[in-house]
């Protein structure tokens, strides 16, 4: 597949994953959880899903563990919803990009005050 098709497929998967996660009943997943991006390999074997969790470290670890535990369910739901024959194995990874950006903004704000 070309890079454009992989990118489009990844965005469609991201949209569906957000919907699937919002309907999960696991209390560790409930709350402020955001899917930042999805990276799919060209052969559709694997996909990394980067998530950001608002809260403390333990809540983030619990959410990632719960999502990795439910990766098979997410995979089957993606295959059904997107009507694809081969769906990738999902691995959920915590993305600290938002926290990093907030810390950088705080440092820049302190420098501007000086």
PDB file of N, CA and C in Angstrom:
ATOM      1  N   UNK A   1       0.837  -1.183   0.000  1.00  0.00           N
ATOM      2  CA  UNK A   1       0.000   0.000   0.000  1.00  0.00           C
ATOM      3  C   UNK A   1       0.881   1.245   0.000  1.00  0.00           C
ATOM      4  N   UNK A   2       0.387   2.282  -0.596  1.00  0.00           N
ATOM      5  CA  UNK A   2       1.145   3.525  -0.597  1.00  0.00           C
ATOM      6  C   UNK A   2       1.011   4.228   0.751  1.00  0.00           C
ATOM      7  N   UNK A   3       1.881   5.198   0.963  1.00  0.00           N
ATOM      8  CA  UNK A   3       1.876   5.926   2.237  1.00  0.00           C
ATOM      9  C   UNK A   3       0.574   6.691   2.448  1.00  0.00           C
ATOM     10  N   UNK A   4      -0.015   7.193   1.358  1.00  0.00           N
ATOM     11  CA  UNK A   4      -1.287   7.917   1.494  1.00  0.00           C
ATOM     12  C   UNK A   4      -2.396   6.991   1.976  1.00  0.00           C
ATOM     13  N   UNK A   5      -2.429   5.787   1.429  1.00  0.00           N
ATOM     14  CA  UNK A   5      -3.466   4.840   1.847  1.00  0.00           C
ATOM     15  C   UNK A   5      -3.266   4.397   3.291  1.00  0.00           C
ATOM     16  N   UNK A   6      -2.009   4.181   3.705  1.00  0.00           N
ATOM     17  CA  UNK A   6      -1.718   3.790   5.092  1.00  0.00           C
ATOM     18  C   UNK A   6      -2.119   4.916   6.040  1.00  0.00           C
ATOM     19  N   UNK A   7      -1.815   6.147   5.675  1.00  0.00           N
ATOM     20  CA  UNK A   7      -2.189   7.285   6.510  1.00  0.00           C
ATOM     21  C   UNK A   7      -3.688   7.436   6.649  1.00  0.00           C
ATOM     22  N   UNK A   8      -4.395   7.247   5.554  1.00  0.00           N
ATOM     23  CA  UNK A   8      -5.854   7.340   5.572  1.00  0.00           C
ATOM     24  C   UNK A   8      -6.445   6.207   6.411  1.00  0.00           C
ATOM     25  N   UNK A   9      -5.896   5.024   6.253  1.00  0.00           N
ATOM     26  CA  UNK A   9      -6.353   3.876   7.030  1.00  0.00           C
ATOM     27  C   UNK A   9      -6.099   4.095   8.523  1.00  0.00           C
ATOM     28  N   UNK A  10      -4.937   4.667   8.849  1.00  0.00           N
ATOM     29  CA  UNK A  10      -4.605   4.935  10.250  1.00  0.00           C
ATOM     30  C   UNK A  10      -5.573   5.949  10.857  1.00  0.00           C
ATOM     31  N   UNK A  11      -5.932   6.973  10.104  1.00  0.00           N
ATOM     32  CA  UNK A  11      -6.884   7.968  10.609  1.00  0.00           C
ATOM     33  C   UNK A  11      -8.272   7.367  10.795  1.00  0.00           C
ATOM     34  N   UNK A  12      -8.683   6.505   9.876  1.00  0.00           N
ATOM     35  CA  UNK A  12      -9.976   5.831  10.024  1.00  0.00           C
ATOM     36  C   UNK A  12      -9.969   4.919  11.241  1.00  0.00           C
ATOM     37  N   UNK A  13      -8.859   4.211  11.448  1.00  0.00           N
ATOM     38  CA  UNK A  13      -8.734   3.349  12.631  1.00  0.00           C
ATOM     39  C   UNK A  13      -8.765   4.170  13.903  1.00  0.00           C
ATOM     40  N   UNK A  14      -8.115   5.317  13.885  1.00  0.00           N
ATOM     41  CA  UNK A  14      -8.110   6.195  15.064  1.00  0.00           C
ATOM     42  C   UNK A  14      -9.531   6.597  15.433  1.00  0.00           C
ATOM     43  N   UNK A  15     -10.305   6.970  14.434  1.00  0.00           N
ATOM     44  CA  UNK A  15     -11.695   7.365  14.665  1.00  0.00           C
ATOM     45  C   UNK A  15     -12.502   6.220  15.264  1.00  0.00           C
ATOM     46  N   UNK A  16     -12.320   5.026  14.733  1.00  0.00           N
ATOM     47  CA  UNK A  16     -13.054   3.860  15.242  1.00  0.00           C
ATOM     48  C   UNK A  16     -12.576   3.461  16.632  1.00  0.00           C
ATOM     49  N   UNK A  17     -11.276   3.540  16.884  1.00  0.00           N
ATOM     50  CA  UNK A  17     -10.740   3.196  18.208  1.00  0.00           C
ATOM     51  C   UNK A  17     -11.288   4.143  19.267  1.00  0.00           C
ATOM     52  N   UNK A  18     -11.393   5.417  18.936  1.00  0.00           N
ATOM     53  CA  UNK A  18     -11.963   6.385  19.885  1.00  0.00           C
ATOM     54  C   UNK A  18     -13.391   5.984  20.237  1.00  0.00           C
ATOM     55  N   UNK A  19     -14.163   5.578  19.238  1.00  0.00           N
ATOM     56  CA  UNK A  19     -15.548   5.174  19.487  1.00  0.00           C
ATOM     57  C   UNK A  19     -15.600   3.886  20.312  1.00  0.00           C
ATOM     58  N   UNK A  20     -14.736   2.935  20.017  1.00  0.00           N
ATOM     59  CA  UNK A  20     -14.724   1.666  20.759  1.00  0.00           C
ATOM     60  C   UNK A  20     -14.351   1.908  22.214  1.00  0.00           C
ATOM     61  N   UNK A  21     -13.325   2.727  22.441  1.00  0.00           N
ATOM     62  CA  UNK A  21     -12.878   3.007  23.813  1.00  0.00           C
ATOM     63  C   UNK A  21     -13.954   3.738  24.599  1.00  0.00           C
ATOM     64  N   UNK A  22     -14.688   4.625  23.935  1.00  0.00           N
ATOM     65  CA  UNK A  22     -15.720   5.383  24.651  1.00  0.00           C
ATOM     66  C   UNK A  22     -16.865   4.485  25.122  1.00  0.00           C
ATOM     67  N   UNK A  23     -17.046   3.321  24.494  1.00  0.00           N
ATOM     68  CA  UNK A  23     -18.117   2.413  24.899  1.00  0.00           C
ATOM     69  C   UNK A  23     -17.630   1.299  25.825  1.00  0.00           C
ATOM     70  N   UNK A  24     -16.352   1.291  26.192  1.00  0.00           N
ATOM     71  CA  UNK A  24     -15.831   0.275  27.107  1.00  0.00           C
ATOM     72  C   UNK A  24     -16.332   0.551  28.520  1.00  0.00           C
ATOM     73  N   UNK A  25     -16.556  -0.512  29.271  1.00  0.00           N
ATOM     74  CA  UNK A  25     -17.097  -0.368  30.617  1.00  0.00           C
ATOM     75  C   UNK A  25     -16.049  -0.549  31.702  1.00  0.00           C
ATOM     76  N   UNK A  26     -14.794  -0.726  31.322  1.00  0.00           N
ATOM     77  CA  UNK A  26     -13.719  -0.878  32.297  1.00  0.00           C
ATOM     78  C   UNK A  26     -13.493   0.460  33.008  1.00  0.00           C
ATOM     79  N   UNK A  27     -13.540   0.486  34.337  1.00  0.00           N
ATOM     80  CA  UNK A  27     -13.368   1.765  35.048  1.00  0.00           C
ATOM     81  C   UNK A  27     -11.978   2.376  34.882  1.00  0.00           C
ATOM     82  N   UNK A  28     -10.981   1.569  34.538  1.00  0.00           N
ATOM     83  CA  UNK A  28      -9.641   2.115  34.336  1.00  0.00           C
ATOM     84  C   UNK A  28      -9.559   2.929  33.050  1.00  0.00           C
ATOM     85  N   UNK A  29     -10.448   2.673  32.126  1.00  0.00           N
ATOM     86  CA  UNK A  29     -10.437   3.370  30.840  1.00  0.00           C
ATOM     87  C   UNK A  29     -11.309   4.612  30.875  1.00  0.00           C
ATOM     88  N   UNK A  30     -12.265   4.659  31.779  1.00  0.00           N
ATOM     89  CA  UNK A  30     -13.152   5.809  31.882  1.00  0.00           C
ATOM     90  C   UNK A  30     -12.362   7.022  32.355  1.00  0.00           C
ATOM     91  N   UNK A  31     -12.738   8.175  31.867  1.00  0.00           N
ATOM     92  CA  UNK A  31     -12.066   9.401  32.286  1.00  0.00           C
ATOM     93  C   UNK A  31     -11.511  10.149  31.081  1.00  0.00           C
ATOM     94  N   UNK A  32     -10.480  10.894  31.342  1.00  0.00           N
ATOM     95  CA  UNK A  32      -9.896  11.743  30.313  1.00  0.00           C
ATOM     96  C   UNK A  32      -8.789  10.993  29.581  1.00  0.00           C
ATOM     97  N   UNK A  33      -9.177  10.291  28.539  1.00  0.00           N
ATOM     98  CA  UNK A  33      -8.261   9.498  27.740  1.00  0.00           C
ATOM     99  C   UNK A  33      -8.392   9.963  26.293  1.00  0.00           C
ATOM    100  N   UNK A  34      -7.258  10.251  25.654  1.00  0.00           N
ATOM    101  CA  UNK A  34      -7.267  10.753  24.296  1.00  0.00           C
ATOM    102  C   UNK A  34      -6.370   9.890  23.423  1.00  0.00           C
ATOM    103  N   UNK A  35      -6.846   9.512  22.267  1.00  0.00           N
ATOM    104  CA  UNK A  35      -6.011   8.816  21.286  1.00  0.00           C
ATOM    105  C   UNK A  35      -5.288   9.888  20.487  1.00  0.00           C
ATOM    106  N   UNK A  36      -3.965   9.915  20.614  1.00  0.00           N
ATOM    107  CA  UNK A  36      -3.177  10.957  19.955  1.00  0.00           C
ATOM    108  C   UNK A  36      -2.911  10.620  18.483  1.00  0.00           C
ATOM    109  N   UNK A  37      -2.422   9.408  18.238  1.00  0.00           N
ATOM    110  CA  UNK A  37      -2.153   9.000  16.861  1.00  0.00           C
ATOM    111  C   UNK A  37      -2.070   7.481  16.779  1.00  0.00           C
ATOM    112  N   UNK A  38      -2.185   6.979  15.557  1.00  0.00           N
ATOM    113  CA  UNK A  38      -2.086   5.544  15.291  1.00  0.00           C
ATOM    114  C   UNK A  38      -1.044   5.361  14.193  1.00  0.00           C
ATOM    115  N   UNK A  39      -0.085   4.485  14.436  1.00  0.00           N
ATOM    116  CA  UNK A  39       0.935   4.160  13.433  1.00  0.00           C
ATOM    117  C   UNK A  39       0.721   2.716  13.001  1.00  0.00           C
ATOM    118  N   UNK A  40       0.470   2.526  11.723  1.00  0.00           N
ATOM    119  CA  UNK A  40       0.211   1.196  11.174  1.00  0.00           C
ATOM    120  C   UNK A  40       1.377   0.816  10.264  1.00  0.00           C
ATOM    121  N   UNK A  41       1.852  -0.427  10.396  1.00  0.00           N
ATOM    122  CA  UNK A  41       2.901  -0.901   9.506  1.00  0.00           C
ATOM    123  C   UNK A  41       2.323  -1.119   8.111  1.00  0.00           C
ATOM    124  N   UNK A  42       3.155  -1.010   7.071  1.00  0.00           N
ATOM    125  CA  UNK A  42       2.642  -1.155   5.703  1.00  0.00           C
ATOM    126  C   UNK A  42       2.019  -2.519   5.405  1.00  0.00           C
ATOM    127  N   UNK A  43       2.442  -3.570   6.113  1.00  0.00           N
ATOM    128  CA  UNK A  43       1.880  -4.891   5.860  1.00  0.00           C
ATOM    129  C   UNK A  43       0.653  -5.182   6.726  1.00  0.00           C
ATOM    130  N   UNK A  44       0.202  -4.209   7.499  1.00  0.00           N
ATOM    131  CA  UNK A  44      -0.980  -4.295   8.369  1.00  0.00           C
ATOM    132  C   UNK A  44      -0.877  -5.397   9.427  1.00  0.00           C
ATOM    133  N   UNK A  45       0.342  -5.715   9.848  1.00  0.00           N
ATOM    134  CA  UNK A  45       0.502  -6.708  10.910  1.00  0.00           C
ATOM    135  C   UNK A  45       0.392  -6.092  12.297  1.00  0.00           C
ATOM    136  N   UNK A  46       0.947  -4.912  12.468  1.00  0.00           N
ATOM    137  CA  UNK A  46       0.987  -4.277  13.785  1.00  0.00           C
ATOM    138  C   UNK A  46       0.553  -2.821  13.695  1.00  0.00           C
ATOM    139  N   UNK A  47       0.053  -2.330  14.802  1.00  0.00           N
ATOM    140  CA  UNK A  47      -0.306  -0.921  14.910  1.00  0.00           C
ATOM    141  C   UNK A  47      -0.031  -0.459  16.332  1.00  0.00           C
ATOM    142  N   UNK A  48       0.610   0.693  16.458  1.00  0.00           N
ATOM    143  CA  UNK A  48       0.827   1.310  17.761  1.00  0.00           C
ATOM    144  C   UNK A  48      -0.177   2.428  17.913  1.00  0.00           C
ATOM    145  N   UNK A  49      -0.851   2.422  19.044  1.00  0.00           N
ATOM    146  CA  UNK A  49      -1.839   3.444  19.338  1.00  0.00           C
ATOM    147  C   UNK A  49      -1.309   4.253  20.511  1.00  0.00           C
ATOM    148  N   UNK A  50      -1.021   5.531  20.263  1.00  0.00           N
ATOM    149  CA  UNK A  50      -0.482   6.409  21.297  1.00  0.00           C
ATOM    150  C   UNK A  50      -1.647   7.105  21.993  1.00  0.00           C
ATOM    151  N   UNK A  51      -1.707   6.942  23.320  1.00  0.00           N
ATOM    152  CA  UNK A  51      -2.791   7.550  24.083  1.00  0.00           C
ATOM    153  C   UNK A  51      -2.220   8.494  25.128  1.00  0.00           C
ATOM    154  N   UNK A  52      -2.996   9.481  25.444  1.00  0.00           N
ATOM    155  CA  UNK A  52      -2.647  10.435  26.489  1.00  0.00           C
ATOM    156  C   UNK A  52      -3.738  10.368  27.551  1.00  0.00           C
ATOM    157  N   UNK A  53      -3.305  10.268  28.808  1.00  0.00           N
ATOM    158  CA  UNK A  53      -4.249  10.147  29.919  1.00  0.00           C
ATOM    159  C   UNK A  53      -4.024  11.328  30.850  1.00  0.00           C
ATOM    160  N   UNK A  54      -5.101  12.031  31.129  1.00  0.00           N
ATOM    161  CA  UNK A  54      -5.035  13.143  32.062  1.00  0.00           C
ATOM    162  C   UNK A  54      -5.196  12.599  33.474  1.00  0.00           C
ATOM    163  N   UNK A  55      -4.226  12.840  34.305  1.00  0.00           N
ATOM    164  CA  UNK A  55      -4.286  12.341  35.671  1.00  0.00           C
ATOM    165  C   UNK A  55      -2.913  11.942  36.156  1.00  0.00           C
ATOM    166  N   UNK A  56      -2.903  11.167  37.216  1.00  0.00           N
ATOM    167  CA  UNK A  56      -1.628  10.766  37.803  1.00  0.00           C
ATOM    168  C   UNK A  56      -1.017   9.580  37.062  1.00  0.00           C
ATOM    169  N   UNK A  57       0.176   9.221  37.475  1.00  0.00           N
ATOM    170  CA  UNK A  57       0.943   8.152  36.835  1.00  0.00           C
ATOM    171  C   UNK A  57       0.231   6.795  36.925  1.00  0.00           C
ATOM    172  N   UNK A  58      -0.362   6.509  38.070  1.00  0.00           N
ATOM    173  CA  UNK A  58      -1.039   5.221  38.267  1.00  0.00           C
ATOM    174  C   UNK A  58      -2.265   5.081  37.368  1.00  0.00           C
ATOM    175  N   UNK A  59      -3.000   6.155  37.187  1.00  0.00           N
ATOM    176  CA  UNK A  59      -4.174   6.111  36.308  1.00  0.00           C
ATOM    177  C   UNK A  59      -3.756   5.850  34.868  1.00  0.00           C
ATOM    178  N   UNK A  60      -2.662   6.461  34.455  1.00  0.00           N
ATOM    179  CA  UNK A  60      -2.174   6.263  33.092  1.00  0.00           C
ATOM    180  C   UNK A  60      -1.708   4.824  32.877  1.00  0.00           C
ATOM    181  N   UNK A  61      -0.973   4.279  33.840  1.00  0.00           N
ATOM    182  CA  UNK A  61      -0.508   2.892  33.724  1.00  0.00           C
ATOM    183  C   UNK A  61      -1.686   1.920  33.705  1.00  0.00           C
ATOM    184  N   UNK A  62      -2.676   2.172  34.550  1.00  0.00           N
ATOM    185  CA  UNK A  62      -3.859   1.320  34.585  1.00  0.00           C
ATOM    186  C   UNK A  62      -4.628   1.352  33.277  1.00  0.00           C
ATOM    187  N   UNK A  63      -4.750   2.536  32.676  1.00  0.00           N
ATOM    188  CA  UNK A  63      -5.472   2.655  31.410  1.00  0.00           C
ATOM    189  C   UNK A  63      -4.731   1.932  30.287  1.00  0.00           C
ATOM    190  N   UNK A  64      -3.407   2.068  30.258  1.00  0.00           N
ATOM    191  CA  UNK A  64      -2.626   1.394  29.215  1.00  0.00           C
ATOM    192  C   UNK A  64      -2.716  -0.120  29.388  1.00  0.00           C
ATOM    193  N   UNK A  65      -2.620  -0.590  30.625  1.00  0.00           N
ATOM    194  CA  UNK A  65      -2.742  -2.033  30.876  1.00  0.00           C
ATOM    195  C   UNK A  65      -4.119  -2.557  30.486  1.00  0.00           C
ATOM    196  N   UNK A  66      -5.160  -1.809  30.810  1.00  0.00           N
ATOM    197  CA  UNK A  66      -6.518  -2.238  30.469  1.00  0.00           C
ATOM    198  C   UNK A  66      -6.709  -2.288  28.957  1.00  0.00           C
ATOM    199  N   UNK A  67      -6.189  -1.299  28.248  1.00  0.00           N
ATOM    200  CA  UNK A  67      -6.335  -1.283  26.796  1.00  0.00           C
ATOM    201  C   UNK A  67      -5.522  -2.390  26.133  1.00  0.00           C
ATOM    202  N   UNK A  68      -4.328  -2.658  26.641  1.00  0.00           N
ATOM    203  CA  UNK A  68      -3.542  -3.759  26.081  1.00  0.00           C
ATOM    204  C   UNK A  68      -4.208  -5.105  26.362  1.00  0.00           C
ATOM    205  N   UNK A  69      -4.890  -5.202  27.489  1.00  0.00           N
ATOM    206  CA  UNK A  69      -5.623  -6.426  27.811  1.00  0.00           C
ATOM    207  C   UNK A  69      -6.817  -6.616  26.869  1.00  0.00           C
ATOM    208  N   UNK A  70      -7.423  -5.513  26.443  1.00  0.00           N
ATOM    209  CA  UNK A  70      -8.592  -5.565  25.565  1.00  0.00           C
ATOM    210  C   UNK A  70      -8.218  -5.401  24.086  1.00  0.00           C
ATOM    211  N   UNK A  71      -6.938  -5.546  23.749  1.00  0.00           N
ATOM    212  CA  UNK A  71      -6.484  -5.332  22.368  1.00  0.00           C
ATOM    213  C   UNK A  71      -7.147  -6.304  21.393  1.00  0.00           C
ATOM    214  N   UNK A  72      -7.408  -7.530  21.816  1.00  0.00           N
ATOM    215  CA  UNK A  72      -8.081  -8.495  20.946  1.00  0.00           C
ATOM    216  C   UNK A  72      -9.496  -8.075  20.616  1.00  0.00           C
ATOM    217  N   UNK A  73     -10.193  -7.537  21.605  1.00  0.00           N
ATOM    218  CA  UNK A  73     -11.560  -7.036  21.378  1.00  0.00           C
ATOM    219  C   UNK A  73     -11.533  -5.859  20.407  1.00  0.00           C
ATOM    220  N   UNK A  74     -10.579  -4.949  20.611  1.00  0.00           N
ATOM    221  CA  UNK A  74     -10.463  -3.791  19.723  1.00  0.00           C
ATOM    222  C   UNK A  74     -10.164  -4.258  18.293  1.00  0.00           C
ATOM    223  N   UNK A  75      -9.298  -5.257  18.163  1.00  0.00           N
ATOM    224  CA  UNK A  75      -8.940  -5.770  16.845  1.00  0.00           C
ATOM    225  C   UNK A  75     -10.158  -6.357  16.126  1.00  0.00           C
ATOM    226  N   UNK A  76     -10.947  -7.148  16.827  1.00  0.00           N
ATOM    227  CA  UNK A  76     -12.118  -7.747  16.182  1.00  0.00           C
ATOM    228  C   UNK A  76     -13.164  -6.696  15.836  1.00  0.00           C
ATOM    229  N   UNK A  77     -13.341  -5.710  16.701  1.00  0.00           N
ATOM    230  CA  UNK A  77     -14.303  -4.635  16.413  1.00  0.00           C
ATOM    231  C   UNK A  77     -13.867  -3.805  15.208  1.00  0.00           C
ATOM    232  N   UNK A  78     -12.570  -3.530  15.104  1.00  0.00           N
ATOM    233  CA  UNK A  78     -12.060  -2.776  13.947  1.00  0.00           C
ATOM    234  C   UNK A  78     -12.314  -3.550  12.663  1.00  0.00           C
ATOM    235  N   UNK A  79     -12.066  -4.856  12.701  1.00  0.00           N
ATOM    236  CA  UNK A  79     -12.287  -5.680  11.507  1.00  0.00           C
ATOM    237  C   UNK A  79     -13.758  -5.663  11.093  1.00  0.00           C
ATOM    238  N   UNK A  80     -14.658  -5.719  12.067  1.00  0.00           N
ATOM    239  CA  UNK A  80     -16.094  -5.700  11.749  1.00  0.00           C
ATOM    240  C   UNK A  80     -16.536  -4.341  11.216  1.00  0.00           C
ATOM    241  N   UNK A  81     -16.111  -3.282  11.891  1.00  0.00           N
ATOM    242  CA  UNK A  81     -16.589  -1.951  11.535  1.00  0.00           C
ATOM    243  C   UNK A  81     -16.011  -1.442  10.213  1.00  0.00           C
ATOM    244  N   UNK A  82     -14.741  -1.750   9.959  1.00  0.00           N
ATOM    245  CA  UNK A  82     -14.094  -1.225   8.761  1.00  0.00           C
ATOM    246  C   UNK A  82     -14.180  -2.191   7.580  1.00  0.00           C
ATOM    247  N   UNK A  83     -14.713  -3.372   7.813  1.00  0.00           N
ATOM    248  CA  UNK A  83     -14.860  -4.382   6.770  1.00  0.00           C
ATOM    249  C   UNK A  83     -13.527  -4.696   6.092  1.00  0.00           C
ATOM    250  N   UNK A  84     -12.511  -4.921   6.917  1.00  0.00           N
ATOM    251  CA  UNK A  84     -11.209  -5.295   6.386  1.00  0.00           C
ATOM    252  C   UNK A  84     -10.923  -6.742   6.746  1.00  0.00           C
ATOM    253  N   UNK A  85     -10.270  -7.421   5.845  1.00  0.00           N
ATOM    254  CA  UNK A  85      -9.995  -8.838   6.037  1.00  0.00           C
ATOM    255  C   UNK A  85      -8.885  -9.051   7.064  1.00  0.00           C
ATOM    256  N   UNK A  86      -7.876  -8.212   7.002  1.00  0.00           N
ATOM    257  CA  UNK A  86      -6.726  -8.363   7.885  1.00  0.00           C
ATOM    258  C   UNK A  86      -6.608  -7.115   8.749  1.00  0.00           C
ATOM    259  N   UNK A  87      -6.823  -7.283  10.039  1.00  0.00           N
ATOM    260  CA  UNK A  87      -6.678  -6.140  10.937  1.00  0.00           C
ATOM    261  C   UNK A  87      -5.397  -6.318  11.748  1.00  0.00           C
ATOM    262  N   UNK A  88      -4.731  -5.231  12.087  1.00  0.00           N
ATOM    263  CA  UNK A  88      -3.449  -5.320  12.789  1.00  0.00           C
ATOM    264  C   UNK A  88      -3.620  -5.667  14.264  1.00  0.00           C
ATOM    265  N   UNK A  89      -2.546  -6.165  14.842  1.00  0.00           N
ATOM    266  CA  UNK A  89      -2.489  -6.385  16.291  1.00  0.00           C
ATOM    267  C   UNK A  89      -2.163  -5.037  16.926  1.00  0.00           C
ATOM    268  N   UNK A  90      -2.971  -4.620  17.864  1.00  0.00           N
ATOM    269  CA  UNK A  90      -2.808  -3.301  18.466  1.00  0.00           C
ATOM    270  C   UNK A  90      -1.955  -3.363  19.722  1.00  0.00           C
ATOM    271  N   UNK A  91      -1.079  -2.382  19.862  1.00  0.00           N
ATOM    272  CA  UNK A  91      -0.289  -2.194  21.083  1.00  0.00           C
ATOM    273  C   UNK A  91      -0.513  -0.756  21.513  1.00  0.00           C
ATOM    274  N   UNK A  92      -1.014  -0.592  22.725  1.00  0.00           N
ATOM    275  CA  UNK A  92      -1.300   0.742  23.244  1.00  0.00           C
ATOM    276  C   UNK A  92      -0.104   1.244  24.035  1.00  0.00           C
ATOM    277  N   UNK A  93       0.316   2.466  23.719  1.00  0.00           N
ATOM    278  CA  UNK A  93       1.499   3.070  24.315  1.00  0.00           C
ATOM    279  C   UNK A  93       1.109   4.440  24.860  1.00  0.00           C
ATOM    280  N   UNK A  94       1.655   4.773  26.004  1.00  0.00           N
ATOM    281  CA  UNK A  94       1.371   6.079  26.603  1.00  0.00           C
ATOM    282  C   UNK A  94       2.181   7.158  25.902  1.00  0.00           C
ATOM    283  N   UNK A  95       1.532   8.253  25.575  1.00  0.00           N
ATOM    284  CA  UNK A  95       2.172   9.384  24.908  1.00  0.00           C
ATOM    285  C   UNK A  95       2.246  10.539  25.899  1.00  0.00           C
ATOM    286  N   UNK A  96       3.443  10.978  26.191  1.00  0.00           N
ATOM    287  CA  UNK A  96       3.638  12.063  27.149  1.00  0.00           C
ATOM    288  C   UNK A  96       3.810  13.413  26.462  1.00  0.00           C
ATOM    289  N   UNK A  97       3.422  13.519  25.233  1.00  0.00           N
ATOM    290  CA  UNK A  97       3.610  14.743  24.463  1.00  0.00           C
ATOM    291  C   UNK A  97       2.893  15.944  25.061  1.00  0.00           C
ATOM    292  N   UNK A  98       1.673  15.753  25.535  1.00  0.00           N
ATOM    293  CA  UNK A  98       0.901  16.874  26.092  1.00  0.00           C
ATOM    294  C   UNK A  98       1.520  17.367  27.395  1.00  0.00           C
ATOM    295  N   UNK A  99       1.960  16.454  28.244  1.00  0.00           N
ATOM    296  CA  UNK A  99       2.602  16.850  29.499  1.00  0.00           C
ATOM    297  C   UNK A  99       3.935  17.540  29.233  1.00  0.00           C
ATOM    298  N   UNK A 100       4.655  17.043  28.243  1.00  0.00           N
ATOM    299  CA  UNK A 100       5.931  17.647  27.875  1.00  0.00           C
ATOM    300  C   UNK A 100       5.720  19.066  27.353  1.00  0.00           C
ATOM    301  N   UNK A 101       4.708  19.254  26.510  1.00  0.00           N
ATOM    302  CA  UNK A 101       4.408  20.583  25.972  1.00  0.00           C
ATOM    303  C   UNK A 101       3.995  21.544  27.079  1.00  0.00           C
ATOM    304  N   UNK A 102       3.226  21.070  28.053  1.00  0.00           N
ATOM    305  CA  UNK A 102       2.820  21.928  29.170  1.00  0.00           C
ATOM    306  C   UNK A 102       4.032  22.346  29.997  1.00  0.00           C
ATOM    307  N   UNK A 103       4.955  21.422  30.188  1.00  0.00           N
ATOM    308  CA  UNK A 103       6.166  21.748  30.962  1.00  0.00           C
ATOM    309  C   UNK A 103       7.022  22.771  30.216  1.00  0.00           C
ATOM    310  N   UNK A 104       7.165  22.622  28.906  1.00  0.00           N
ATOM    311  CA  UNK A 104       7.941  23.568  28.100  1.00  0.00           C
ATOM    312  C   UNK A 104       7.290  24.948  28.126  1.00  0.00           C
ATOM    313  N   UNK A 105       5.954  25.004  28.018  1.00  0.00           N
ATOM    314  CA  UNK A 105       5.252  26.289  28.088  1.00  0.00           C
ATOM    315  C   UNK A 105       5.455  26.962  29.437  1.00  0.00           C
ATOM    316  N   UNK A 106       5.478  26.173  30.507  1.00  0.00           N
ATOM    317  CA  UNK A 106       5.715  26.729  31.838  1.00  0.00           C
ATOM    318  C   UNK A 106       7.117  27.314  31.932  1.00  0.00           C
ATOM    319  N   UNK A 107       8.102  26.620  31.391  1.00  0.00           N
ATOM    320  CA  UNK A 107       9.484  27.108  31.424  1.00  0.00           C
ATOM    321  C   UNK A 107       9.615  28.385  30.600  1.00  0.00           C
ATOM    322  N   UNK A 108       8.990  28.416  29.434  1.00  0.00           N
ATOM    323  CA  UNK A 108       9.058  29.613  28.588  1.00  0.00           C
ATOM    324  C   UNK A 108       8.361  30.787  29.277  1.00  0.00           C
ATOM    325  N   UNK A 109       7.234  30.515  29.951  1.00  0.00           N
ATOM    326  CA  UNK A 109       6.539  31.572  30.689  1.00  0.00           C
ATOM    327  C   UNK A 109       7.391  32.149  31.806  1.00  0.00           C
ATOM    328  N   UNK A 110       8.133  31.256  32.504  1.00  0.00           N
ATOM    329  CA  UNK A 110       9.032  31.731  33.566  1.00  0.00           C
ATOM    330  C   UNK A 110      10.174  32.562  33.000  1.00  0.00           C
ATOM    331  N   UNK A 111      10.688  32.191  31.842  1.00  0.00           N
ATOM    332  CA  UNK A 111      11.763  32.953  31.217  1.00  0.00           C
ATOM    333  C   UNK A 111      11.282  34.325  30.765  1.00  0.00           C
ATOM    334  N   UNK A 112      10.033  34.394  30.274  1.00  0.00           N
ATOM    335  CA  UNK A 112       9.485  35.677  29.847  1.00  0.00           C
ATOM    336  C   UNK A 112       9.257  36.613  31.027  1.00  0.00           C
ATOM    337  N   UNK A 113       8.969  36.061  32.211  1.00  0.00           N
ATOM    338  CA  UNK A 113       8.780  36.898  33.394  1.00  0.00           C
ATOM    339  C   UNK A 113      10.084  37.530  33.839  1.00  0.00           C
ATOM    340  N   UNK A 114      11.169  36.827  33.626  1.00  0.00           N
ATOM    341  CA  UNK A 114      12.488  37.360  34.033  1.00  0.00           C
ATOM    342  C   UNK A 114      12.903  38.390  33.023  1.00  0.00           C
TER     343      UNK A 114
END
